[in-house]
Amino acid sequence: MPIYEYVCEKCKREFEEIVFDKGNPSCPDCSSGKTRRLISLPARYSGGSGDDDYAQSTSSGGCAGCSGGNCANCGH
């Protein structure tokens, strides 16, 4: 099941939700039904071992946490 990020139009809270159907979930803070799905970067599996196995994809191909824009700068 996919996990999507949403924002509440009423209180502006951002939250994640597992999606079981096509409807938008209610806000967990204010219970408003006026939520919209956000566009977010997908996670990808690097195939290594350890806690850093998952990294966010970026259009430049670098690590999401790197300020230098490539993995040679951060050691990942």
C-alpha atoms as a PDB file:
ATOM      1  CA  MET A   1       0.000   0.000   0.000  1.00  0.00           C
ATOM      2  CA  PRO A   2       1.373   3.401  -0.915  1.00  0.00           C
ATOM      3  CA  ILE A   3       2.051   6.089   1.663  1.00  0.00           C
ATOM      4  CA  TYR A   4       1.205   9.594   0.469  1.00  0.00           C
ATOM      5  CA  GLU A   5       1.871  13.028   1.939  1.00  0.00           C
ATOM      6  CA  TYR A   6      -1.078  15.368   2.394  1.00  0.00           C
ATOM      7  CA  VAL A   7      -1.689  18.949   3.565  1.00  0.00           C
ATOM      8  CA  CYS A   8      -4.828  20.187   5.284  1.00  0.00           C
ATOM      9  CA  GLU A   9      -6.343  23.210   3.538  1.00  0.00           C
ATOM     10  CA  LYS A  10      -7.905  24.388   6.821  1.00  0.00           C
ATOM     11  CA  CYS A  11      -5.052  24.177   9.394  1.00  0.00           C
ATOM     12  CA  LYS A  12      -2.107  23.722   6.951  1.00  0.00           C
ATOM     13  CA  ARG A  13      -0.760  20.626   8.754  1.00  0.00           C
ATOM     14  CA  GLU A  14       1.258  18.218   6.601  1.00  0.00           C
ATOM     15  CA  PHE A  15       0.842  14.504   7.335  1.00  0.00           C
ATOM     16  CA  GLU A  16       1.413  11.062   5.823  1.00  0.00           C
ATOM     17  CA  GLU A  17      -1.293   8.488   5.272  1.00  0.00           C
ATOM     18  CA  ILE A  18      -1.449   4.906   3.980  1.00  0.00           C
ATOM     19  CA  VAL A  19      -3.954   4.898   1.120  1.00  0.00           C
ATOM     20  CA  PHE A  20      -6.535   2.123   0.879  1.00  0.00           C
ATOM     21  CA  ASP A  21      -8.909   3.833  -1.582  1.00  0.00           C
ATOM     22  CA  LYS A  22      -9.036   6.828  -3.908  1.00  0.00           C
ATOM     23  CA  GLY A  23     -10.509   9.345  -1.429  1.00  0.00           C
ATOM     24  CA  ASN A  24      -8.431  11.900   0.464  1.00  0.00           C
ATOM     25  CA  PRO A  25      -8.103  11.286   4.224  1.00  0.00           C
ATOM     26  CA  SER A  26      -9.303  13.678   6.921  1.00  0.00           C
ATOM     27  CA  CYS A  27      -6.786  15.816   8.797  1.00  0.00           C
ATOM     28  CA  PRO A  28      -5.577  14.107  11.997  1.00  0.00           C
ATOM     29  CA  ASP A  29      -5.475  17.472  13.844  1.00  0.00           C
ATOM     30  CA  CYS A  30      -8.670  19.310  12.922  1.00  0.00           C
ATOM     31  CA  SER A  31     -10.636  16.451  11.245  1.00  0.00           C
ATOM     32  CA  SER A  32     -11.256  18.575   8.142  1.00  0.00           C
ATOM     33  CA  GLY A  33     -11.975  16.671   4.958  1.00  0.00           C
ATOM     34  CA  LYS A  34     -10.388  19.430   2.877  1.00  0.00           C
ATOM     35  CA  THR A  35      -6.988  17.827   2.281  1.00  0.00           C
ATOM     36  CA  ARG A  36      -4.889  17.513  -0.846  1.00  0.00           C
ATOM     37  CA  ARG A  37      -2.098  15.158  -1.785  1.00  0.00           C
ATOM     38  CA  LEU A  38       1.378  16.655  -2.087  1.00  0.00           C
ATOM     39  CA  ILE A  39       3.953  15.777  -4.698  1.00  0.00           C
ATOM     40  CA  SER A  40       6.931  14.223  -2.944  1.00  0.00           C
ATOM     41  CA  LEU A  41      10.171  12.528  -3.881  1.00  0.00           C
ATOM     42  CA  PRO A  42      10.052   8.733  -3.918  1.00  0.00           C
ATOM     43  CA  ALA A  43      12.413   6.715  -1.747  1.00  0.00           C
ATOM     44  CA  ARG A  44      14.643   4.190  -3.466  1.00  0.00           C
ATOM     45  CA  TYR A  45      16.446   1.175  -2.105  1.00  0.00           C
ATOM     46  CA  SER A  46      20.216   1.285  -2.590  1.00  0.00           C
ATOM     47  CA  GLY A  47      20.798  -2.419  -1.925  1.00  0.00           C
ATOM     48  CA  GLY A  48      23.530  -1.843   0.677  1.00  0.00           C
ATOM     49  CA  SER A  49      23.557  -2.768   4.332  1.00  0.00           C
ATOM     50  CA  GLY A  50      22.988  -0.500   7.287  1.00  0.00           C
ATOM     51  CA  ASP A  51      20.726   2.412   8.164  1.00  0.00           C
ATOM     52  CA  ASP A  52      21.492   4.398   4.998  1.00  0.00           C
ATOM     53  CA  ASP A  53      19.950   1.838   2.610  1.00  0.00           C
ATOM     54  CA  TYR A  54      17.132   4.188   1.644  1.00  0.00           C
ATOM     55  CA  ALA A  55      17.786   7.531  -0.023  1.00  0.00           C
ATOM     56  CA  GLN A  56      15.485  10.029  -1.661  1.00  0.00           C
ATOM     57  CA  SER A  57      15.771  10.320  -5.409  1.00  0.00           C
ATOM     58  CA  THR A  58      16.604  13.682  -6.914  1.00  0.00           C
ATOM     59  CA  SER A  59      16.611  14.870 -10.486  1.00  0.00           C
ATOM     60  CA  SER A  60      20.339  15.613 -10.292  1.00  0.00           C
ATOM     61  CA  GLY A  61      21.101  12.054  -9.205  1.00  0.00           C
ATOM     62  CA  GLY A  62      22.704  13.119  -5.920  1.00  0.00           C
ATOM     63  CA  CYS A  63      21.789  12.322  -2.360  1.00  0.00           C
ATOM     64  CA  ALA A  64      18.930  14.336  -0.902  1.00  0.00           C
ATOM     65  CA  GLY A  65      21.044  15.379   2.082  1.00  0.00           C
ATOM     66  CA  CYS A  66      24.152  16.406   0.136  1.00  0.00           C
ATOM     67  CA  SER A  67      24.916  20.043  -0.290  1.00  0.00           C
ATOM     68  CA  GLY A  68      27.465  19.201  -2.968  1.00  0.00           C
ATOM     69  CA  GLY A  69      24.964  17.420  -5.229  1.00  0.00           C
ATOM     70  CA  ASN A  70      26.755  14.078  -5.560  1.00  0.00           C
ATOM     71  CA  CYS A  71      27.569  11.100  -3.373  1.00  0.00           C
ATOM     72  CA  ALA A  72      31.336  11.612  -3.595  1.00  0.00           C
ATOM     73  CA  ASN A  73      30.971  14.717  -1.408  1.00  0.00           C
ATOM     74  CA  CYS A  74      29.069  13.064   1.443  1.00  0.00           C
ATOM     75  CA  GLY A  75      30.465   9.519   1.352  1.00  0.00           C
ATOM     76  CA  HIS A  76      27.201   7.739   0.495  1.00  0.00           C
END
